[in-house]
Amino acid sequence: MGNILEEFIKRIQEIDNIEKYDEVTAELIQKLREEKYPEDFQKKIRANRKYIKNRFSDEATKEKMLESKEKVIECLFDFSIEEVGNNKNLASY
């Protein structure tokens, strides 16, 4: 499962526009569902991917999207670290 998270971390890091961010994070959510990641993790990603769109300022919207992007990356990174730790614990049995 970790490779999927790493792939999405890289893809999201490269994003610099709103449309692409929305597209890739929607794809991420779908993939997490398909791969049966824990529901609480999926909820956290869905919550962190949301950002307030400012219809009067594209710049403000992009700023909020970039903040959201960092939260999603952090969440993915933290879960992948946790996943590696769990795999090491299983290997020690």
C-alpha atoms as a PDB file:
ATOM      1  CA  MET A   1       0.000   0.000   0.000  1.00  0.00           C
ATOM      2  CA  GLY A   2       2.863   2.372   0.748  1.00  0.00           C
ATOM      3  CA  ASN A   3       3.821   2.777  -2.894  1.00  0.00           C
ATOM      4  CA  ILE A   4       0.412   4.250  -3.639  1.00  0.00           C
ATOM      5  CA  LEU A   5       0.853   6.860  -0.920  1.00  0.00           C
ATOM      6  CA  GLU A   6       4.367   7.713  -2.094  1.00  0.00           C
ATOM      7  CA  GLU A   7       3.116   8.120  -5.650  1.00  0.00           C
ATOM      8  CA  PHE A   8       0.373  10.502  -4.562  1.00  0.00           C
ATOM      9  CA  ILE A   9       2.724  12.481  -2.314  1.00  0.00           C
ATOM     10  CA  LYS A  10       4.990  13.096  -5.313  1.00  0.00           C
ATOM     11  CA  ARG A  11       2.111  13.942  -7.619  1.00  0.00           C
ATOM     12  CA  ILE A  12       0.526  16.363  -5.160  1.00  0.00           C
ATOM     13  CA  GLN A  13       3.859  18.049  -4.397  1.00  0.00           C
ATOM     14  CA  GLU A  14       4.200  18.952  -8.081  1.00  0.00           C
ATOM     15  CA  ILE A  15       0.761  20.572  -8.337  1.00  0.00           C
ATOM     16  CA  ASP A  16       0.557  24.324  -8.666  1.00  0.00           C
ATOM     17  CA  ASN A  17      -2.984  24.884  -9.928  1.00  0.00           C
ATOM     18  CA  ILE A  18      -6.418  24.432  -8.428  1.00  0.00           C
ATOM     19  CA  GLU A  19      -7.970  22.290 -11.155  1.00  0.00           C
ATOM     20  CA  LYS A  20      -5.138  19.765 -11.077  1.00  0.00           C
ATOM     21  CA  TYR A  21      -5.240  19.634  -7.271  1.00  0.00           C
ATOM     22  CA  ASP A  22      -8.969  18.914  -7.275  1.00  0.00           C
ATOM     23  CA  GLU A  23      -8.495  16.231  -9.942  1.00  0.00           C
ATOM     24  CA  VAL A  24      -5.582  14.437  -8.253  1.00  0.00           C
ATOM     25  CA  THR A  25      -7.072  14.538  -4.753  1.00  0.00           C
ATOM     26  CA  ALA A  26     -10.375  13.141  -6.074  1.00  0.00           C
ATOM     27  CA  GLU A  27      -8.351  10.347  -7.682  1.00  0.00           C
ATOM     28  CA  LEU A  28      -6.536   9.813  -4.357  1.00  0.00           C
ATOM     29  CA  ILE A  29      -9.804   9.448  -2.467  1.00  0.00           C
ATOM     30  CA  GLN A  30     -11.088   6.945  -5.003  1.00  0.00           C
ATOM     31  CA  LYS A  31      -7.856   4.929  -4.786  1.00  0.00           C
ATOM     32  CA  LEU A  32      -7.965   4.885  -0.975  1.00  0.00           C
ATOM     33  CA  ARG A  33     -11.510   3.542  -1.173  1.00  0.00           C
ATOM     34  CA  GLU A  34     -10.567   0.881  -3.734  1.00  0.00           C
ATOM     35  CA  GLU A  35      -7.536  -0.248  -1.736  1.00  0.00           C
ATOM     36  CA  LYS A  36      -9.622  -0.380   1.461  1.00  0.00           C
ATOM     37  CA  TYR A  37      -7.524   2.006   3.543  1.00  0.00           C
ATOM     38  CA  PRO A  38      -8.918   2.612   7.054  1.00  0.00           C
ATOM     39  CA  GLU A  39     -12.078   4.732   7.049  1.00  0.00           C
ATOM     40  CA  ASP A  40     -10.705   7.200   9.610  1.00  0.00           C
ATOM     41  CA  PHE A  41      -7.689   7.843   7.371  1.00  0.00           C
ATOM     42  CA  GLN A  42      -9.953   8.373   4.365  1.00  0.00           C
ATOM     43  CA  LYS A  43     -12.071  10.839   6.377  1.00  0.00           C
ATOM     44  CA  LYS A  44      -8.968  12.738   7.412  1.00  0.00           C
ATOM     45  CA  ILE A  45      -7.831  13.045   3.790  1.00  0.00           C
ATOM     46  CA  ARG A  46     -11.291  14.200   2.676  1.00  0.00           C
ATOM     47  CA  ALA A  47     -11.374  16.810   5.440  1.00  0.00           C
ATOM     48  CA  ASN A  48      -7.850  18.076   4.732  1.00  0.00           C
ATOM     49  CA  ARG A  49      -8.378  18.315   0.969  1.00  0.00           C
ATOM     50  CA  LYS A  50     -11.179  20.851   1.417  1.00  0.00           C
ATOM     51  CA  TYR A  51     -10.417  24.522   1.098  1.00  0.00           C
ATOM     52  CA  ILE A  52     -12.481  27.684   0.900  1.00  0.00           C
ATOM     53  CA  LYS A  53     -12.896  29.019  -2.607  1.00  0.00           C
ATOM     54  CA  ASN A  54     -12.969  32.805  -2.786  1.00  0.00           C
ATOM     55  CA  ARG A  55     -15.038  33.818  -5.777  1.00  0.00           C
ATOM     56  CA  PHE A  56     -13.594  37.339  -5.625  1.00  0.00           C
ATOM     57  CA  SER A  57      -9.922  36.395  -5.544  1.00  0.00           C
ATOM     58  CA  ASP A  58      -8.193  33.636  -7.478  1.00  0.00           C
ATOM     59  CA  GLU A  59      -5.036  34.403  -5.520  1.00  0.00           C
ATOM     60  CA  ALA A  60      -6.765  33.859  -2.159  1.00  0.00           C
ATOM     61  CA  THR A  61      -8.292  30.617  -3.444  1.00  0.00           C
ATOM     62  CA  LYS A  62      -4.897  29.386  -4.597  1.00  0.00           C
ATOM     63  CA  GLU A  63      -3.413  30.257  -1.202  1.00  0.00           C
ATOM     64  CA  LYS A  64      -6.089  28.185   0.557  1.00  0.00           C
ATOM     65  CA  MET A  65      -5.546  25.325  -1.902  1.00  0.00           C
ATOM     66  CA  LEU A  66      -1.804  25.373  -1.198  1.00  0.00           C
ATOM     67  CA  GLU A  67      -2.487  25.214   2.557  1.00  0.00           C
ATOM     68  CA  SER A  68      -4.807  22.277   1.960  1.00  0.00           C
ATOM     69  CA  LYS A  69      -2.193  20.630  -0.247  1.00  0.00           C
ATOM     70  CA  GLU A  70       0.373  20.768   2.567  1.00  0.00           C
ATOM     71  CA  LYS A  71      -2.112  19.237   5.026  1.00  0.00           C
ATOM     72  CA  VAL A  72      -2.887  16.368   2.636  1.00  0.00           C
ATOM     73  CA  ILE A  73       0.817  15.704   2.023  1.00  0.00           C
ATOM     74  CA  GLU A  74       1.500  15.722   5.766  1.00  0.00           C
ATOM     75  CA  CYS A  75      -1.395  13.328   6.380  1.00  0.00           C
ATOM     76  CA  LEU A  76      -0.192  10.945   3.653  1.00  0.00           C
ATOM     77  CA  PHE A  77       3.381  11.112   4.936  1.00  0.00           C
ATOM     78  CA  ASP A  78       2.356  10.488   8.547  1.00  0.00           C
ATOM     79  CA  PHE A  79       0.200   7.508   7.581  1.00  0.00           C
ATOM     80  CA  SER A  80       2.963   6.021   5.406  1.00  0.00           C
ATOM     81  CA  ILE A  81       5.422   6.324   8.335  1.00  0.00           C
ATOM     82  CA  GLU A  82       2.870   4.668  10.632  1.00  0.00           C
ATOM     83  CA  GLU A  83       2.310   1.931   8.047  1.00  0.00           C
ATOM     84  CA  VAL A  84       6.054   1.203   7.843  1.00  0.00           C
ATOM     85  CA  GLY A  85       6.247   1.024  11.639  1.00  0.00           C
ATOM     86  CA  ASN A  86       3.360  -1.423  11.750  1.00  0.00           C
ATOM     87  CA  ASN A  87       4.998  -3.590   9.091  1.00  0.00           C
ATOM     88  CA  LYS A  88       8.244  -3.676  11.093  1.00  0.00           C
ATOM     89  CA  ASN A  89       6.327  -4.733  14.193  1.00  0.00           C
ATOM     90  CA  LEU A  90       4.659  -7.534  12.259  1.00  0.00           C
ATOM     91  CA  ALA A  91       8.007  -8.699  10.882  1.00  0.00           C
ATOM     92  CA  SER A  92       9.427  -9.033  14.404  1.00  0.00           C
ATOM     93  CA  TYR A  93       6.855 -11.710  15.369  1.00  0.00           C
END
